[in-house]
Every structure is written in C-alpha cells, then in structure tokens.
Amino acid sequence: MDERVWFVYLLRCRTGLIYTGVTPDLDRRMATHKAGRGARFTRMNPPEKLLAVKPFDGKIPAMQMEAQVKKLSKAFKLALADSWLKEYPLHHFAQELSAL
C-alpha cells in the first residue's frame, strides 16, 4: 500500500492549454517537464508556469481527482487553480516548482 503524499498539479503551457498531472515527487516531475522529457502532452505543449498543487493522502484519491480535473474546461481548471492556491500556496512546495 502506497502511503506517500501524492500531488495533483496544474500547469499552464506556452500554447495556453492547461495540463493536469499527478505525482508523488513534485521536484522530480517538474524537473522532467522542464527538461522536455515529461508527458507527451507537455513535450508538444511546453509548460511555462505552475498554476496550483493539491496534496492527497495516497495514489488512488490523487488519480481520481486528476481524472475529474482532466474533464473540466479551461475556465473551470483556472477557477480550480485559484481555489487550490488559497488553500495550498505554492511557496509551501519546493523551489524547483517555481522555476518552470
């Protein structure tokens, strides 16, 4: 059973699209995106800014949230990012995150 904290995150890409991802290791995942080796979506739409991050107690709830968020429109994703930022400010997370 995976008891690590997992994170759902939202990235704004240079194309204006919003990418939704999930990971247990934010530093590593952001470094991967930044290096152009992340998901196929972000290789084709390079990320320019981390919008929001929300922690979850385990992989399953994080993946369930990711699936729900991916179904939302861009406007709803942006509103969700604003909501998450109020509860989980980005400065609480590692430095690599703001370096996109």
C-alpha atoms as a PDB file:
ATOM      1  CA  MET A   1       0.000   0.000   0.000  1.00  0.00           C
ATOM      2  CA  ASP A   2       1.374   3.412  -1.000  1.00  0.00           C
ATOM      3  CA  GLU A   3       1.125   5.793   1.951  1.00  0.00           C
ATOM      4  CA  ARG A   4       3.108   8.663   0.418  1.00  0.00           C
ATOM      5  CA  VAL A   5       1.550  12.029  -0.212  1.00  0.00           C
ATOM      6  CA  TRP A   6       0.581  12.350  -3.877  1.00  0.00           C
ATOM      7  CA  PHE A   7       0.026  15.638  -5.678  1.00  0.00           C
ATOM      8  CA  VAL A   8      -2.290  16.771  -8.442  1.00  0.00           C
ATOM      9  CA  TYR A   9      -0.902  19.803 -10.229  1.00  0.00           C
ATOM     10  CA  LEU A  10      -1.949  22.217 -12.963  1.00  0.00           C
ATOM     11  CA  LEU A  11       0.494  23.716 -15.470  1.00  0.00           C
ATOM     12  CA  ARG A  12      -0.151  26.498 -17.958  1.00  0.00           C
ATOM     13  CA  CYS A  13       1.544  25.652 -21.230  1.00  0.00           C
ATOM     14  CA  ARG A  14       3.005  28.108 -23.753  1.00  0.00           C
ATOM     15  CA  THR A  15       0.115  27.261 -26.058  1.00  0.00           C
ATOM     16  CA  GLY A  16      -2.345  28.467 -23.407  1.00  0.00           C
ATOM     17  CA  LEU A  17      -3.580  24.953 -22.656  1.00  0.00           C
ATOM     18  CA  ILE A  18      -3.759  23.669 -19.078  1.00  0.00           C
ATOM     19  CA  TYR A  19      -2.053  20.376 -18.244  1.00  0.00           C
ATOM     20  CA  THR A  20      -3.207  18.286 -15.276  1.00  0.00           C
ATOM     21  CA  GLY A  21      -0.773  15.794 -13.777  1.00  0.00           C
ATOM     22  CA  VAL A  22      -0.270  13.583 -10.749  1.00  0.00           C
ATOM     23  CA  THR A  23       2.938  12.565  -8.957  1.00  0.00           C
ATOM     24  CA  PRO A  24       4.344  11.540  -5.582  1.00  0.00           C
ATOM     25  CA  ASP A  25       7.548  13.521  -6.266  1.00  0.00           C
ATOM     26  CA  LEU A  26       6.940  17.122  -7.351  1.00  0.00           C
ATOM     27  CA  ASP A  27      10.589  18.088  -7.626  1.00  0.00           C
ATOM     28  CA  ARG A  28      11.425  15.209  -9.933  1.00  0.00           C
ATOM     29  CA  ARG A  29       8.292  15.635 -12.033  1.00  0.00           C
ATOM     30  CA  MET A  30       8.754  19.384 -12.515  1.00  0.00           C
ATOM     31  CA  ALA A  31      12.407  18.831 -13.465  1.00  0.00           C
ATOM     32  CA  THR A  32      11.268  16.230 -16.001  1.00  0.00           C
ATOM     33  CA  HIS A  33       8.713  18.613 -17.515  1.00  0.00           C
ATOM     34  CA  LYS A  34      11.251  21.436 -17.549  1.00  0.00           C
ATOM     35  CA  ALA A  35      13.773  19.226 -19.387  1.00  0.00           C
ATOM     36  CA  GLY A  36      11.175  18.377 -22.052  1.00  0.00           C
ATOM     37  CA  ARG A  37      11.006  14.737 -21.021  1.00  0.00           C
ATOM     38  CA  GLY A  38       7.622  14.812 -19.294  1.00  0.00           C
ATOM     39  CA  ALA A  39       4.323  13.618 -20.658  1.00  0.00           C
ATOM     40  CA  ARG A  40       3.778  13.619 -24.408  1.00  0.00           C
ATOM     41  CA  PHE A  41       1.299  16.483 -23.932  1.00  0.00           C
ATOM     42  CA  THR A  42       3.918  18.712 -22.284  1.00  0.00           C
ATOM     43  CA  ARG A  43       6.587  17.757 -24.804  1.00  0.00           C
ATOM     44  CA  MET A  44       4.259  19.107 -27.505  1.00  0.00           C
ATOM     45  CA  ASN A  45       2.967  21.987 -25.325  1.00  0.00           C
ATOM     46  CA  PRO A  46       5.909  23.070 -23.138  1.00  0.00           C
ATOM     47  CA  PRO A  47       4.873  24.236 -19.659  1.00  0.00           C
ATOM     48  CA  GLU A  48       5.557  27.831 -18.722  1.00  0.00           C
ATOM     49  CA  LYS A  49       4.030  28.155 -15.258  1.00  0.00           C
ATOM     50  CA  LEU A  50       2.911  26.014 -12.366  1.00  0.00           C
ATOM     51  CA  LEU A  51      -0.604  27.203 -11.521  1.00  0.00           C
ATOM     52  CA  ALA A  52      -1.510  25.102  -8.480  1.00  0.00           C
ATOM     53  CA  VAL A  53      -0.760  21.961  -6.489  1.00  0.00           C
ATOM     54  CA  LYS A  54      -3.003  19.970  -4.172  1.00  0.00           C
ATOM     55  CA  PRO A  55      -1.739  17.150  -1.913  1.00  0.00           C
ATOM     56  CA  PHE A  56      -3.664  13.909  -1.416  1.00  0.00           C
ATOM     57  CA  ASP A  57      -3.301  11.070   1.067  1.00  0.00           C
ATOM     58  CA  GLY A  58      -2.383   8.357  -1.401  1.00  0.00           C
ATOM     59  CA  LYS A  59      -2.251   7.480  -5.068  1.00  0.00           C
ATOM     60  CA  ILE A  60      -5.877   6.449  -5.609  1.00  0.00           C
ATOM     61  CA  PRO A  61      -7.555   9.685  -4.441  1.00  0.00           C
ATOM     62  CA  ALA A  62      -4.966  11.737  -6.356  1.00  0.00           C
ATOM     63  CA  MET A  63      -5.571   9.782  -9.554  1.00  0.00           C
ATOM     64  CA  GLN A  64      -9.324  10.065  -9.112  1.00  0.00           C
ATOM     65  CA  MET A  65      -9.020  13.845  -8.776  1.00  0.00           C
ATOM     66  CA  GLU A  66      -6.711  14.025 -11.798  1.00  0.00           C
ATOM     67  CA  ALA A  67      -9.277  12.146 -13.891  1.00  0.00           C
ATOM     68  CA  GLN A  68     -12.054  14.509 -12.781  1.00  0.00           C
ATOM     69  CA  VAL A  69      -9.996  17.648 -13.424  1.00  0.00           C
ATOM     70  CA  LYS A  70      -8.974  16.487 -16.906  1.00  0.00           C
ATOM     71  CA  LYS A  71     -12.671  16.506 -17.866  1.00  0.00           C
ATOM     72  CA  LEU A  72     -13.100  20.178 -16.921  1.00  0.00           C
ATOM     73  CA  SER A  73     -12.997  23.121 -19.290  1.00  0.00           C
ATOM     74  CA  LYS A  74     -10.066  25.521 -19.224  1.00  0.00           C
ATOM     75  CA  ALA A  75     -12.162  28.097 -17.362  1.00  0.00           C
ATOM     76  CA  PHE A  76     -13.050  25.593 -14.639  1.00  0.00           C
ATOM     77  CA  LYS A  77      -9.420  24.454 -14.362  1.00  0.00           C
ATOM     78  CA  LEU A  78      -8.317  28.067 -13.867  1.00  0.00           C
ATOM     79  CA  ALA A  79     -11.001  28.599 -11.217  1.00  0.00           C
ATOM     80  CA  LEU A  80      -9.923  25.382  -9.511  1.00  0.00           C
ATOM     81  CA  ALA A  81      -6.297  26.544  -9.579  1.00  0.00           C
ATOM     82  CA  ASP A  82      -7.316  29.773  -7.843  1.00  0.00           C
ATOM     83  CA  SER A  83      -9.191  27.801  -5.206  1.00  0.00           C
ATOM     84  CA  TRP A  84      -6.278  25.420  -4.591  1.00  0.00           C
ATOM     85  CA  LEU A  85      -3.824  28.332  -4.350  1.00  0.00           C
ATOM     86  CA  LYS A  86      -5.791  29.806  -1.468  1.00  0.00           C
ATOM     87  CA  GLU A  87      -5.596  26.554   0.462  1.00  0.00           C
ATOM     88  CA  TYR A  88      -2.132  25.413  -0.696  1.00  0.00           C
ATOM     89  CA  PRO A  89       0.096  28.392  -1.624  1.00  0.00           C
ATOM     90  CA  LEU A  90       2.933  27.429  -3.945  1.00  0.00           C
ATOM     91  CA  HIS A  91       5.599  28.714  -1.556  1.00  0.00           C
ATOM     92  CA  HIS A  92       4.843  25.659   0.613  1.00  0.00           C
ATOM     93  CA  PHE A  93       6.341  23.472  -2.093  1.00  0.00           C
ATOM     94  CA  ALA A  94       9.930  23.016  -3.249  1.00  0.00           C
ATOM     95  CA  GLN A  95      11.912  25.620  -5.180  1.00  0.00           C
ATOM     96  CA  GLU A  96      12.012  23.595  -8.411  1.00  0.00           C
ATOM     97  CA  LEU A  97       8.305  24.180  -8.815  1.00  0.00           C
ATOM     98  CA  SER A  98       8.538  27.884  -9.367  1.00  0.00           C
ATOM     99  CA  ALA A  99      11.410  27.525 -11.814  1.00  0.00           C
ATOM    100  CA  LEU A 100       9.325  26.377 -14.802  1.00  0.00           C
END
